Amino acid sequence: MKKYRSFIILILLIISITLASCSNMHMGTSMGVSMNFGSNGPTIQPHMNIGMSSGGYYY
């Protein structure tokens, strides 16, 4: 039981340090469709991007 408690405290400490260090974090997403023309005809591929930036602007 003591190991379990110390493990939980350690996890909470790591989470709080991570949240404090990422307080200026910006998150951006983009979605779209890529269309490629090949020898077998056109293919459509959907894509989704998730990006994170800790400073400046995210485009």
Foldseek 3Di string as FASTA:
>chain_A
DVVVVVVVVVVVVVVVVVCVVQVQKDKDKDKDWDWDQDPVGIDIDIDMDIDMDNDDDDD
